[in-house]
Amino acid sequence: MPTLDDILEQIGEFDFFQKRTLFFLCLLSATFVPIYVGIFFLGFTPEHHCRSPGMAELSQQCGWSLEEQLNHTVPEWGSHGASFSSRCRRYKVDWNTTGISCTDPLGSIVGNQSTVPLGPCQHGWVYDTPGTSIVTEYNLVCEDSWKLDFFQSCVNAGFFIGSMSIGYIADRFGRKLCLLITVLINAASGVLMAFAPSYSWTVVFRLIQGLVSKGSWLTGYVLIAEFVGSSYRRAVGIIYQLAFSVGLLVLTALAYVLRQWRWLQFTVTLPNFFFLLYYWCLPESPRWLIAQKQNDKAIEVIKHIAKGNKKKLPCSFQNLSSEDEDGEKLKPSFLDLVRTPQIRKHTFILMYSWFTSSVLYQGLIMHLGIASGNMYLDFLYSALVEFPAAFILMLTLDRIGRRYPWAAANVMAGGACLITALVPDTVYWLKMTAACLGRMGITMSYEIICVVNPELYPTFLRNLGVLVCSSMCDLGGIITPFLVYRLAELWHELPLVVFAVISLIDGGLVLLLPEMKGKPLPETIEDAENLHREERSQEKIIYLHVLTSEAAHK
């Protein structure tokens, strides 16, 4: 019986139908950005200090500039940034008192500025920003600053839980159904979050988005990977992730224009409702239908693809009947990910690689302190780094393969982290160059794992395998803030040393995976188990060919 890859060679491996489908799904990929990194804008924390009744009137009477007002009335306010006292404490004085001196206001009230008692903010805060965020609206600062960390942890926890359940749904009931359900829930919860009446409801709706959004994004990638021929999987995988990078640029522009977090949340969520039109635009995956013994439906999808590509399906390929047609449908199970030796090895290595990619991707952004200057420009620069990374992969993955560029990307990221940690601050140009190379290296690693992960699992287990392995990415996202900030208290560069170690280990582990360049996607567990055997057989054939050539020359 011909395989789907054989059929795609006749009706088009990457023709008009696949290109149109890729475009539709790339739109979906771009809209995942506000959920994955939207906290950067939705939850930014501007400079702030306690609100003091009567201060505005006193400042106006004395003709103080803003800097003079802060120096006179905010504890420990200095030119090197705001301290905890300046942000979270206030002088316990009554600024409505008459006869306050404009040159020494505190001295005229209590006599000695050094003896003025400090107290907590009782009347709210004044924020140095023209816009709003969930921080400024719900006052998530000082004693309540942990609530911002909790908000983001809920998103990653949602990713983690959703990876398990949605992966099962996609492999059990189909890619298309899973995609449509998650898109609907994501769109509805995102709009509700924009109108949430309180912090608690904001967290609830964001958690729901986390539960479905990552599963939707990865299901979209698996779907397009199953529509194209084996020689184009690398290209569509990189383009799909490149759409995510484009989404970073779009988010930056929207955040710059829409400074109110509710309007930004509503605007970036609204396009998700249009993805419900995919019910009419996208068919079910023919690979999944074949794996589920729904051959008649698979033939209909194949004919639809052929029609979209303006090709005619050969008569010899119009029957997918097989000896196993009456057998049981293959149902995905979590045990299938660890039951057989090769798939078990793939699962553990991929889980560690996802964890490493997430920790370094997010950790390097945090450590470099993107928000220290102009947050819009800093975020833009970090997004632009991803484009040369994608270009390098375009040139290498089909020529060299997956494993060696993957290992090299991890080694580059780890080595760059070590250089950044050990180079003194006086050699700033070298330190920043190394930091950029590290960011590029881990971006390449992130993109390669998205390409390789679906290639190592059989069709009926593919979506579950991708989402379970990538759940370690979410676990990494949960612990990364604590890893960065707690280790930095011991030594500022210690997080970079830890990043280097785990990245270099990953560079060695990925070499243990089979090379998938040019190979068809495995359809059964047996196919996945034989990937290593096929690779060794190819190596033996090459070795015998070399020996034969040498003997002939002699």
Protein backbone atom coordinates (compact mmCIF):
# COMPACT_ATOMS: atom_id res chain seq x y z
CA MET A 1 0.00 0.00 0.00
CA PRO A 2 1.40 3.45 -0.86
CA THR A 3 2.25 5.73 2.04
CA LEU A 4 0.98 9.28 2.31
CA ASP A 5 4.46 10.54 1.43
CA ASP A 6 4.27 8.55 -1.82
CA ILE A 7 0.91 10.15 -2.59
CA LEU A 8 2.16 13.66 -1.75
CA GLU A 9 4.97 13.22 -4.27
CA GLN A 10 2.27 12.88 -6.93
CA ILE A 11 -0.17 15.58 -5.80
CA GLY A 12 2.34 18.10 -4.39
CA GLU A 13 4.47 18.02 -1.26
CA PHE A 14 4.38 21.80 -0.79
CA ASP A 15 2.17 23.31 -3.43
CA PHE A 16 -0.64 25.89 -3.32
CA PHE A 17 -2.81 24.03 -0.80
CA GLN A 18 0.04 23.55 1.70
CA LYS A 19 1.25 27.13 1.25
CA ARG A 20 -2.24 28.50 1.88
CA THR A 21 -2.63 26.26 4.94
CA LEU A 22 0.77 27.36 6.24
CA PHE A 23 -0.27 31.00 5.88
CA PHE A 24 -3.47 30.41 7.86
CA LEU A 25 -1.64 28.59 10.64
CA CYS A 26 1.15 31.19 10.76
CA LEU A 27 -1.51 33.73 11.72
CA LEU A 28 -2.38 31.44 14.61
CA SER A 29 1.30 31.21 15.58
CA ALA A 30 1.66 35.00 15.67
CA THR A 31 -1.32 35.41 18.01
CA PHE A 32 0.28 33.13 20.62
CA VAL A 33 2.88 35.83 21.36
CA PRO A 34 0.70 38.04 23.64
CA ILE A 35 -0.02 35.07 25.88
CA TYR A 36 3.54 33.74 26.04
CA VAL A 37 5.36 37.06 26.58
CA GLY A 38 2.51 39.54 26.95
CA ILE A 39 3.29 39.98 30.64
CA PHE A 40 6.18 42.16 29.50
CA PHE A 41 3.71 44.92 28.58
CA LEU A 42 0.56 43.93 30.45
CA GLY A 43 2.40 43.70 33.76
CA PHE A 44 5.21 46.24 33.52
CA THR A 45 6.11 47.92 36.82
CA PRO A 46 6.98 51.63 36.43
CA GLU A 47 8.78 53.78 38.96
CA HIS A 48 6.42 54.59 41.81
CA HIS A 49 6.20 56.18 45.24
CA CYS A 50 3.58 56.61 47.94
CA ARG A 51 0.74 59.03 47.35
CA SER A 52 0.69 61.72 50.05
CA PRO A 53 -2.43 63.90 50.53
CA GLY A 54 -1.66 67.59 50.21
CA MET A 55 1.63 67.04 48.38
CA ALA A 56 0.38 68.24 44.98
CA GLU A 57 -0.87 71.52 46.46
CA LEU A 58 2.38 72.10 48.40
CA SER A 59 4.50 71.42 45.31
CA GLN A 60 2.44 73.88 43.30
CA GLN A 61 2.74 76.57 45.98
CA CYS A 62 6.50 76.15 46.24
CA GLY A 63 7.03 75.90 42.49
CA TRP A 64 9.00 72.65 42.79
CA SER A 65 10.03 70.64 39.77
CA LEU A 66 9.18 66.95 39.88
CA GLU A 67 12.74 66.07 40.91
CA GLU A 68 12.70 68.67 43.70
CA GLN A 69 9.36 67.34 44.94
CA LEU A 70 10.68 63.79 45.08
CA ASN A 71 13.91 64.83 46.81
CA HIS A 72 12.01 66.76 49.48
CA THR A 73 9.16 64.37 50.19
CA VAL A 74 10.11 60.78 49.24
CA PRO A 75 12.39 58.79 51.59
CA GLU A 76 15.84 57.86 50.19
CA TRP A 77 15.06 59.12 46.70
CA GLY A 78 18.30 59.27 44.72
CA SER A 79 19.75 59.49 41.25
CA HIS A 80 20.77 55.79 41.25
CA GLY A 81 17.21 54.52 41.21
CA ALA A 82 14.45 54.10 43.67
CA SER A 83 15.09 52.07 46.81
CA PHE A 84 12.55 49.99 48.69
CA SER A 85 11.93 52.88 51.09
CA SER A 86 11.29 55.36 48.27
CA ARG A 87 8.82 53.00 46.61
CA CYS A 88 7.07 51.47 49.58
CA ARG A 89 7.47 53.86 52.53
CA ARG A 90 6.37 57.42 53.23
CA TYR A 91 7.18 60.06 55.82
CA LYS A 92 4.54 59.97 58.54
CA VAL A 93 3.81 63.68 58.39
CA ASP A 94 0.80 65.81 57.49
CA TRP A 95 1.60 67.77 54.32
CA ASN A 96 -1.56 69.81 54.80
CA THR A 97 0.05 71.56 57.79
CA THR A 98 0.27 75.32 57.33
CA GLY A 99 3.58 77.18 57.34
CA ILE A 100 5.71 74.46 55.73
CA SER A 101 9.04 75.74 54.42
CA CYS A 102 9.66 75.32 50.71
CA THR A 103 13.44 74.92 51.22
CA ASP A 104 13.35 72.48 54.16
CA PRO A 105 9.79 71.14 54.41
CA LEU A 106 10.53 68.24 56.74
CA GLY A 107 12.70 70.35 59.03
CA SER A 108 9.96 72.97 59.36
CA ILE A 109 7.49 70.24 60.47
CA VAL A 110 9.51 68.03 62.84
CA GLY A 111 12.71 69.99 63.35
CA ASN A 112 15.14 67.19 62.36
CA GLN A 113 14.71 65.27 59.09
CA SER A 114 16.68 62.26 60.35
CA THR A 115 14.10 61.60 63.08
CA VAL A 116 11.05 61.57 60.81
CA PRO A 117 9.31 58.19 61.21
CA LEU A 118 8.49 56.10 58.15
CA GLY A 119 5.27 54.23 57.51
CA PRO A 120 3.60 52.13 54.81
CA CYS A 121 1.69 53.62 51.91
CA GLN A 122 -1.86 54.20 53.11
CA HIS A 123 -3.27 56.26 50.25
CA GLY A 124 -2.03 54.33 47.22
CA TRP A 125 0.85 55.04 44.87
CA VAL A 126 1.85 57.52 42.20
CA TYR A 127 3.16 55.80 39.06
CA ASP A 128 5.58 57.37 36.60
CA THR A 129 3.88 56.20 33.40
CA PRO A 130 1.38 57.63 30.92
CA GLY A 131 -0.39 54.28 30.54
CA THR A 132 -1.74 51.51 32.73
CA SER A 133 -0.87 47.89 33.45
CA ILE A 134 -2.31 45.28 35.76
CA VAL A 135 0.36 46.44 38.23
CA THR A 136 -0.78 50.05 38.28
CA GLU A 137 -4.50 49.19 38.23
CA TYR A 138 -4.40 46.61 41.04
CA ASN A 139 -1.38 48.10 42.88
CA LEU A 140 0.73 44.94 42.60
CA VAL A 141 3.76 46.54 44.25
CA CYS A 142 5.61 46.39 47.57
CA GLU A 143 3.87 43.84 49.82
CA ASP A 144 1.64 42.73 46.93
CA SER A 145 4.38 42.44 44.29
CA TRP A 146 4.24 38.62 44.58
CA LYS A 147 0.84 38.74 42.91
CA LEU A 148 2.46 39.65 39.59
CA ASP A 149 4.74 36.59 39.83
CA PHE A 150 1.69 34.50 40.70
CA PHE A 151 -0.15 35.88 37.67
CA GLN A 152 2.60 34.71 35.32
CA SER A 153 3.08 31.41 37.14
CA CYS A 154 -0.61 30.66 36.55
CA VAL A 155 -0.08 31.07 32.79
CA ASN A 156 2.83 28.60 32.80
CA ALA A 157 0.89 26.25 35.07
CA GLY A 158 -1.92 26.42 32.52
CA PHE A 159 0.54 25.57 29.75
CA PHE A 160 1.75 22.59 31.79
CA ILE A 161 -1.70 21.16 32.53
CA GLY A 162 -3.03 21.89 29.06
CA SER A 163 -0.10 20.12 27.43
CA MET A 164 -1.29 16.82 28.84
CA SER A 165 -5.03 17.08 28.22
CA ILE A 166 -4.98 18.83 24.83
CA GLY A 167 -2.32 16.49 23.47
CA TYR A 168 -4.57 13.55 24.27
CA ILE A 169 -7.62 15.25 22.71
CA ALA A 170 -5.74 16.01 19.48
CA ASP A 171 -4.47 12.44 19.12
CA ARG A 172 -7.75 10.85 20.21
CA PHE A 173 -10.37 13.02 18.48
CA GLY A 174 -8.42 14.79 15.73
CA ARG A 175 -6.24 17.83 15.11
CA LYS A 176 -8.96 20.00 13.59
CA LEU A 177 -11.52 19.53 16.37
CA CYS A 178 -8.88 20.21 19.02
CA LEU A 179 -7.72 23.33 17.20
CA LEU A 180 -11.21 24.80 16.90
CA ILE A 181 -12.17 24.12 20.52
CA THR A 182 -8.98 25.64 21.92
CA VAL A 183 -9.26 28.68 19.64
CA LEU A 184 -12.82 29.35 20.83
CA ILE A 185 -11.94 29.03 24.53
CA ASN A 186 -8.81 31.13 24.09
CA ALA A 187 -10.69 33.93 22.33
CA ALA A 188 -13.56 34.00 24.84
CA SER A 189 -11.34 33.96 27.94
CA GLY A 190 -9.04 36.61 26.45
CA VAL A 191 -11.88 39.05 25.87
CA LEU A 192 -13.30 38.35 29.33
CA MET A 193 -9.88 39.11 30.81
CA ALA A 194 -9.93 42.52 29.14
CA PHE A 195 -13.13 43.31 31.05
CA ALA A 196 -12.26 41.49 34.29
CA PRO A 197 -13.59 43.42 37.31
CA SER A 198 -10.83 42.39 39.73
CA TYR A 199 -7.36 40.92 40.02
CA SER A 200 -8.78 37.51 40.96
CA TRP A 201 -10.90 37.30 37.81
CA THR A 202 -7.96 38.50 35.71
CA VAL A 203 -5.89 35.58 37.01
CA VAL A 204 -8.73 33.10 36.38
CA PHE A 205 -9.21 34.15 32.75
CA ARG A 206 -5.45 34.19 32.13
CA LEU A 207 -5.17 30.69 33.57
CA ILE A 208 -7.87 29.50 31.16
CA GLN A 209 -5.95 31.06 28.27
CA GLY A 210 -2.84 29.24 29.42
CA LEU A 211 -4.70 25.93 29.52
CA VAL A 212 -5.63 26.07 25.83
CA SER A 213 -3.33 28.50 23.99
CA LYS A 214 -0.09 26.54 23.94
CA GLY A 215 -1.92 23.37 22.99
CA SER A 216 -3.54 25.26 20.13
CA TRP A 217 -0.18 26.61 18.95
CA LEU A 218 1.52 23.21 18.95
CA THR A 219 -1.49 21.49 17.39
CA GLY A 220 -1.26 23.99 14.54
CA TYR A 221 2.39 23.07 14.02
CA VAL A 222 1.70 19.33 14.07
CA LEU A 223 -1.13 19.85 11.57
CA ILE A 224 1.00 21.68 9.00
CA ALA A 225 3.87 19.20 9.49
CA GLU A 226 1.48 16.37 8.58
CA PHE A 227 0.24 18.08 5.40
CA VAL A 228 3.65 18.45 3.71
CA GLY A 229 6.22 16.01 2.38
CA SER A 230 9.25 15.00 4.43
CA SER A 231 11.62 17.30 2.53
CA TYR A 232 9.58 20.37 3.51
CA ARG A 233 8.98 19.72 7.21
CA ARG A 234 12.06 21.69 8.18
CA ALA A 235 11.00 24.71 6.15
CA VAL A 236 7.43 24.85 7.42
CA GLY A 237 8.61 24.35 11.01
CA ILE A 238 10.97 27.30 10.83
CA ILE A 239 8.45 29.50 8.99
CA TYR A 240 5.80 28.65 11.57
CA GLN A 241 8.14 29.78 14.35
CA LEU A 242 9.26 32.78 12.31
CA ALA A 243 5.62 33.87 12.36
CA PHE A 244 5.96 33.90 16.16
CA SER A 245 8.93 36.25 15.79
CA VAL A 246 6.86 38.51 13.52
CA GLY A 247 4.21 38.46 16.22
CA LEU A 248 6.79 39.85 18.64
CA LEU A 249 7.25 42.87 16.37
CA VAL A 250 3.50 43.37 15.99
CA LEU A 251 3.00 43.16 19.75
CA THR A 252 5.70 45.77 20.28
CA ALA A 253 3.99 48.18 17.88
CA LEU A 254 0.54 47.62 19.40
CA ALA A 255 1.86 48.05 22.94
CA TYR A 256 3.55 51.30 21.93
CA VAL A 257 0.28 52.66 20.52
CA LEU A 258 -2.10 51.19 23.10
CA ARG A 259 -0.71 52.15 26.50
CA GLN A 260 -3.83 50.97 28.39
CA TRP A 261 -3.51 47.28 29.22
CA ARG A 262 -7.22 46.49 28.79
CA TRP A 263 -7.30 47.90 25.24
CA LEU A 264 -4.09 46.05 24.41
CA GLN A 265 -5.49 42.77 25.75
CA PHE A 266 -8.74 43.21 23.83
CA THR A 267 -6.96 44.11 20.58
CA VAL A 268 -4.54 41.17 20.59
CA THR A 269 -7.32 38.71 21.50
CA LEU A 270 -9.94 39.74 18.94
CA PRO A 271 -8.25 38.09 15.89
CA ASN A 272 -8.66 34.68 17.54
CA PHE A 273 -12.38 34.70 16.72
CA PHE A 274 -11.55 34.79 13.00
CA PHE A 275 -9.69 31.49 13.38
CA LEU A 276 -13.05 29.78 13.84
CA LEU A 277 -13.35 30.16 10.06
CA TYR A 278 -10.75 27.39 9.86
CA TYR A 279 -13.70 25.00 10.16
CA TRP A 280 -14.26 25.66 6.45
CA CYS A 281 -10.65 26.43 5.45
CA LEU A 282 -8.73 23.48 6.92
CA PRO A 283 -9.38 19.74 6.55
CA GLU A 284 -8.46 17.09 9.08
CA SER A 285 -4.93 15.65 8.96
CA PRO A 286 -4.88 12.72 6.49
CA ARG A 287 -2.08 11.09 8.49
CA TRP A 288 -4.26 11.07 11.60
CA LEU A 289 -7.22 9.70 9.65
CA ILE A 290 -5.09 6.88 8.24
CA ALA A 291 -3.76 6.06 11.72
CA GLN A 292 -7.38 5.90 12.95
CA LYS A 293 -8.34 3.53 10.09
CA GLN A 294 -10.64 6.16 8.58
CA ASN A 295 -9.32 5.54 5.09
CA ASP A 296 -12.40 6.78 3.23
CA LYS A 297 -12.19 10.17 4.95
CA ALA A 298 -8.43 10.23 4.35
CA ILE A 299 -9.00 9.71 0.62
CA GLU A 300 -11.46 12.62 0.59
CA VAL A 301 -8.86 14.89 2.23
CA ILE A 302 -6.18 13.72 -0.20
CA LYS A 303 -8.48 14.51 -3.14
CA HIS A 304 -9.13 17.93 -1.60
CA ILE A 305 -5.37 18.55 -1.40
CA ALA A 306 -4.90 17.40 -4.99
CA LYS A 307 -7.69 19.70 -6.15
CA GLY A 308 -6.17 22.63 -4.25
CA ASN A 309 -2.83 21.93 -5.92
CA LYS A 310 -4.55 21.53 -9.34
CA LYS A 311 -3.25 17.99 -9.56
CA LYS A 312 -5.06 14.74 -10.27
CA LEU A 313 -4.75 11.80 -7.91
CA PRO A 314 -3.48 8.75 -9.86
CA CYS A 315 -5.94 5.83 -9.98
CA SER A 316 -3.41 3.53 -8.35
CA PHE A 317 -3.38 5.76 -5.25
CA GLN A 318 -7.14 6.07 -4.80
CA ASN A 319 -7.46 3.02 -2.54
CA LEU A 320 -5.86 2.97 0.89
CA SER A 321 -7.30 -0.35 1.97
CA SER A 322 -4.91 -2.61 3.87
CA GLU A 323 -4.84 -5.87 5.77
CA ASP A 324 -5.17 -3.92 9.01
CA GLU A 325 -8.28 -2.07 7.90
CA ASP A 326 -10.51 -4.00 10.31
CA GLY A 327 -8.06 -3.73 13.17
CA GLU A 328 -8.50 -1.56 16.21
CA LYS A 329 -7.97 2.15 15.97
CA LEU A 330 -4.76 3.22 17.63
CA LYS A 331 -5.46 5.21 20.77
CA PRO A 332 -2.72 7.34 22.34
CA SER A 333 -1.56 6.50 25.84
CA PHE A 334 0.92 8.21 28.15
CA LEU A 335 2.54 4.80 28.68
CA ASP A 336 3.36 4.64 24.97
CA LEU A 337 5.85 7.47 25.56
CA VAL A 338 7.99 5.28 27.84
CA ARG A 339 6.97 1.69 27.04
CA THR A 340 9.55 0.93 24.32
CA PRO A 341 13.30 1.62 24.70
CA GLN A 342 13.96 4.02 21.81
CA ILE A 343 10.81 6.11 22.28
CA ARG A 344 11.54 6.22 26.01
CA LYS A 345 15.02 7.58 25.31
CA HIS A 346 13.59 10.12 22.86
CA THR A 347 11.02 11.24 25.43
CA PHE A 348 13.52 11.87 28.25
CA ILE A 349 16.05 13.66 26.03
CA LEU A 350 13.36 15.84 24.45
CA MET A 351 11.90 16.71 27.86
CA TYR A 352 15.32 17.87 29.07
CA SER A 353 15.89 19.82 25.85
CA TRP A 354 12.55 21.62 26.19
CA PHE A 355 13.39 22.45 29.80
CA THR A 356 16.83 23.78 28.80
CA SER A 357 15.47 25.88 25.94
CA SER A 358 12.82 27.48 28.13
CA VAL A 359 15.14 28.27 31.03
CA LEU A 360 17.76 29.87 28.80
CA TYR A 361 15.31 31.65 26.46
CA GLN A 362 13.44 33.33 29.31
CA GLY A 363 16.36 33.49 31.72
CA LEU A 364 18.67 35.39 29.37
CA ILE A 365 15.97 37.97 28.76
CA MET A 366 15.48 38.43 32.50
CA HIS A 367 19.20 38.55 33.26
CA LEU A 368 19.99 41.11 30.61
CA GLY A 369 17.34 43.34 32.13
CA ILE A 370 15.32 44.21 29.03
CA ALA A 371 13.12 46.66 30.90
CA SER A 372 16.04 48.67 32.28
CA GLY A 373 15.89 51.27 29.51
CA ASN A 374 13.25 51.95 26.87
CA MET A 375 11.19 48.79 27.18
CA TYR A 376 9.76 49.06 23.67
CA LEU A 377 13.17 49.34 21.99
CA ASP A 378 14.69 46.67 24.22
CA PHE A 379 11.89 44.25 23.44
CA LEU A 380 12.24 45.04 19.74
CA TYR A 381 15.98 44.32 19.77
CA SER A 382 15.40 40.99 21.51
CA ALA A 383 12.87 40.04 18.82
CA LEU A 384 15.15 40.98 15.92
CA VAL A 385 17.81 38.51 17.13
CA GLU A 386 15.48 35.66 16.18
CA PHE A 387 15.49 36.43 12.45
CA PRO A 388 19.17 35.66 11.72
CA ALA A 389 18.76 32.50 13.83
CA ALA A 390 15.95 31.34 11.55
CA PHE A 391 17.99 32.23 8.44
CA ILE A 392 20.94 30.12 9.64
CA LEU A 393 18.67 27.14 10.22
CA MET A 394 17.17 27.53 6.76
CA LEU A 395 20.66 27.13 5.31
CA THR A 396 21.85 24.27 7.51
CA LEU A 397 19.09 21.85 8.49
CA ASP A 398 18.58 20.35 5.03
CA ARG A 399 22.28 20.34 4.18
CA ILE A 400 23.78 19.15 7.45
CA GLY A 401 20.82 17.65 9.29
CA ARG A 402 19.18 18.27 12.64
CA ARG A 403 21.53 16.87 15.26
CA TYR A 404 24.79 18.70 14.61
CA PRO A 405 23.30 22.22 14.22
CA TRP A 406 21.24 21.50 17.34
CA ALA A 407 24.27 20.46 19.36
CA ALA A 408 26.26 23.41 17.98
CA ALA A 409 23.47 25.84 18.94
CA ASN A 410 23.50 24.54 22.52
CA VAL A 411 27.28 24.72 22.71
CA MET A 412 27.19 28.28 21.35
CA ALA A 413 24.56 29.28 23.91
CA GLY A 414 26.43 27.64 26.78
CA GLY A 415 29.82 29.00 25.75
CA ALA A 416 28.39 32.50 25.28
CA CYS A 417 26.87 32.35 28.78
CA LEU A 418 30.26 31.44 30.25
CA ILE A 419 32.02 34.24 28.38
CA THR A 420 29.36 36.74 29.45
CA ALA A 421 29.76 35.64 33.07
CA LEU A 422 33.58 35.71 33.15
CA VAL A 423 34.33 38.80 31.04
CA PRO A 424 34.62 41.91 33.26
CA ASP A 425 32.19 44.78 32.84
CA THR A 426 35.01 47.00 31.60
CA VAL A 427 35.08 45.05 28.31
CA TYR A 428 31.45 45.93 27.63
CA TRP A 429 31.45 45.33 23.87
CA LEU A 430 32.65 41.74 24.28
CA LYS A 431 30.16 41.07 27.06
CA MET A 432 27.23 42.31 24.97
CA THR A 433 28.41 40.44 21.87
CA ALA A 434 28.56 37.21 23.83
CA ALA A 435 25.11 37.87 25.30
CA CYS A 436 23.65 38.34 21.81
CA LEU A 437 25.30 35.12 20.58
CA GLY A 438 23.84 33.28 23.56
CA ARG A 439 20.37 34.62 22.75
CA MET A 440 20.79 33.57 19.12
CA GLY A 441 22.06 30.11 20.07
CA ILE A 442 19.16 29.28 22.35
CA THR A 443 16.67 30.65 19.81
CA MET A 444 18.10 28.24 17.24
CA SER A 445 17.87 25.39 19.73
CA TYR A 446 14.26 26.30 20.50
CA GLU A 447 13.36 26.27 16.81
CA ILE A 448 15.12 22.97 16.10
CA ILE A 449 13.39 21.12 18.91
CA CYS A 450 10.02 22.20 17.52
CA VAL A 451 11.04 20.65 14.19
CA VAL A 452 12.51 17.43 15.62
CA ASN A 453 9.98 16.60 18.34
CA PRO A 454 7.08 15.69 15.98
CA GLU A 455 9.44 13.74 13.72
CA LEU A 456 10.37 11.20 16.40
CA TYR A 457 6.86 9.99 17.29
CA PRO A 458 4.39 7.83 15.32
CA THR A 459 1.30 9.54 13.93
CA PHE A 460 -1.23 8.36 16.52
CA LEU A 461 1.10 9.50 19.33
CA ARG A 462 2.62 12.58 17.73
CA ASN A 463 0.55 15.38 19.24
CA LEU A 464 0.61 13.83 22.71
CA GLY A 465 4.39 13.31 22.47
CA VAL A 466 4.99 16.93 21.48
CA LEU A 467 2.79 18.38 24.19
CA VAL A 468 4.01 16.11 27.01
CA CYS A 469 7.67 16.74 26.19
CA SER A 470 7.10 20.46 25.80
CA SER A 471 5.38 20.54 29.21
CA MET A 472 8.90 20.64 30.66
CA CYS A 473 9.22 23.97 28.89
CA ASP A 474 6.39 25.22 31.08
CA LEU A 475 8.01 23.83 34.21
CA GLY A 476 11.15 25.73 33.23
CA GLY A 477 9.07 28.89 32.79
CA ILE A 478 7.72 28.52 36.33
CA ILE A 479 11.10 28.18 38.05
CA THR A 480 13.19 30.51 35.86
CA PRO A 481 12.36 33.76 37.72
CA PHE A 482 13.37 32.21 41.03
CA LEU A 483 16.48 30.69 39.46
CA VAL A 484 17.60 34.03 38.05
CA TYR A 485 16.83 36.38 40.92
CA ARG A 486 17.81 34.13 43.86
CA LEU A 487 21.14 33.03 42.36
CA ALA A 488 21.93 36.60 41.32
CA GLU A 489 21.77 37.60 44.99
CA LEU A 490 24.74 35.29 45.65
CA TRP A 491 26.69 36.37 42.57
CA HIS A 492 25.29 38.45 39.74
CA GLU A 493 26.71 36.16 37.05
CA LEU A 494 25.92 32.84 38.76
CA PRO A 495 22.70 32.26 36.74
CA LEU A 496 24.76 32.45 33.54
CA VAL A 497 27.10 29.74 34.82
CA VAL A 498 24.12 27.50 35.58
CA PHE A 499 22.68 28.23 32.12
CA ALA A 500 26.00 27.27 30.54
CA VAL A 501 26.15 23.92 32.35
CA ILE A 502 22.64 22.78 31.48
CA SER A 503 23.02 23.96 27.87
CA LEU A 504 26.31 22.12 27.33
CA ILE A 505 24.77 18.94 28.76
CA ASP A 506 21.90 19.29 26.33
CA GLY A 507 24.38 19.72 23.48
CA GLY A 508 25.75 16.27 24.24
CA LEU A 509 22.39 14.56 24.78
CA VAL A 510 20.85 15.60 21.46
CA LEU A 511 23.61 13.73 19.63
CA LEU A 512 22.03 10.52 20.96
CA LEU A 513 18.85 11.13 18.94
CA PRO A 514 18.45 9.71 15.39
CA GLU A 515 19.00 11.98 12.41
CA MET A 516 15.66 12.70 10.68
CA LYS A 517 16.85 14.64 7.65
CA GLY A 518 14.97 13.37 4.59
CA LYS A 519 13.22 10.54 6.45
CA PRO A 520 9.45 9.97 6.31
CA LEU A 521 7.46 10.54 9.50
CA PRO A 522 7.06 7.27 11.46
CA GLU A 523 3.52 5.91 11.26
CA THR A 524 3.73 3.19 13.94
CA ILE A 525 5.67 2.48 17.11
CA GLU A 526 7.73 -0.04 15.17
CA ASP A 527 8.71 2.66 12.66
CA ALA A 528 9.81 4.95 15.52
CA GLU A 529 11.78 2.15 17.17
CA ASN A 530 13.57 1.37 13.90
CA LEU A 531 14.82 4.93 13.31
CA HIS A 532 18.15 4.14 14.97
CA ARG A 533 18.47 0.83 13.14
CA GLU A 534 17.88 2.56 9.79
CA GLU A 535 20.54 5.10 10.65
CA ARG A 536 23.08 2.41 11.52
CA SER A 537 22.21 0.54 8.32
CA GLN A 538 22.83 3.68 6.28
CA GLU A 539 26.16 4.19 8.02
CA LYS A 540 27.18 0.59 7.22
CA ILE A 541 26.20 1.04 3.57
CA ILE A 542 28.29 4.23 3.35
CA TYR A 543 31.20 2.49 5.09
CA LEU A 544 31.05 -0.52 2.72
CA HIS A 545 30.81 1.84 -0.24
CA VAL A 546 33.97 3.62 0.91
CA LEU A 547 35.82 0.32 1.35
CA THR A 548 34.71 -0.86 -2.08
CA SER A 549 35.88 2.39 -3.69
CA GLU A 550 39.27 2.14 -1.97
CA ALA A 551 39.66 -1.47 -3.10
CA ALA A 552 38.78 -0.53 -6.66
CA HIS A 553 41.43 2.22 -6.67
CA LYS A 554 44.06 -0.23 -5.45
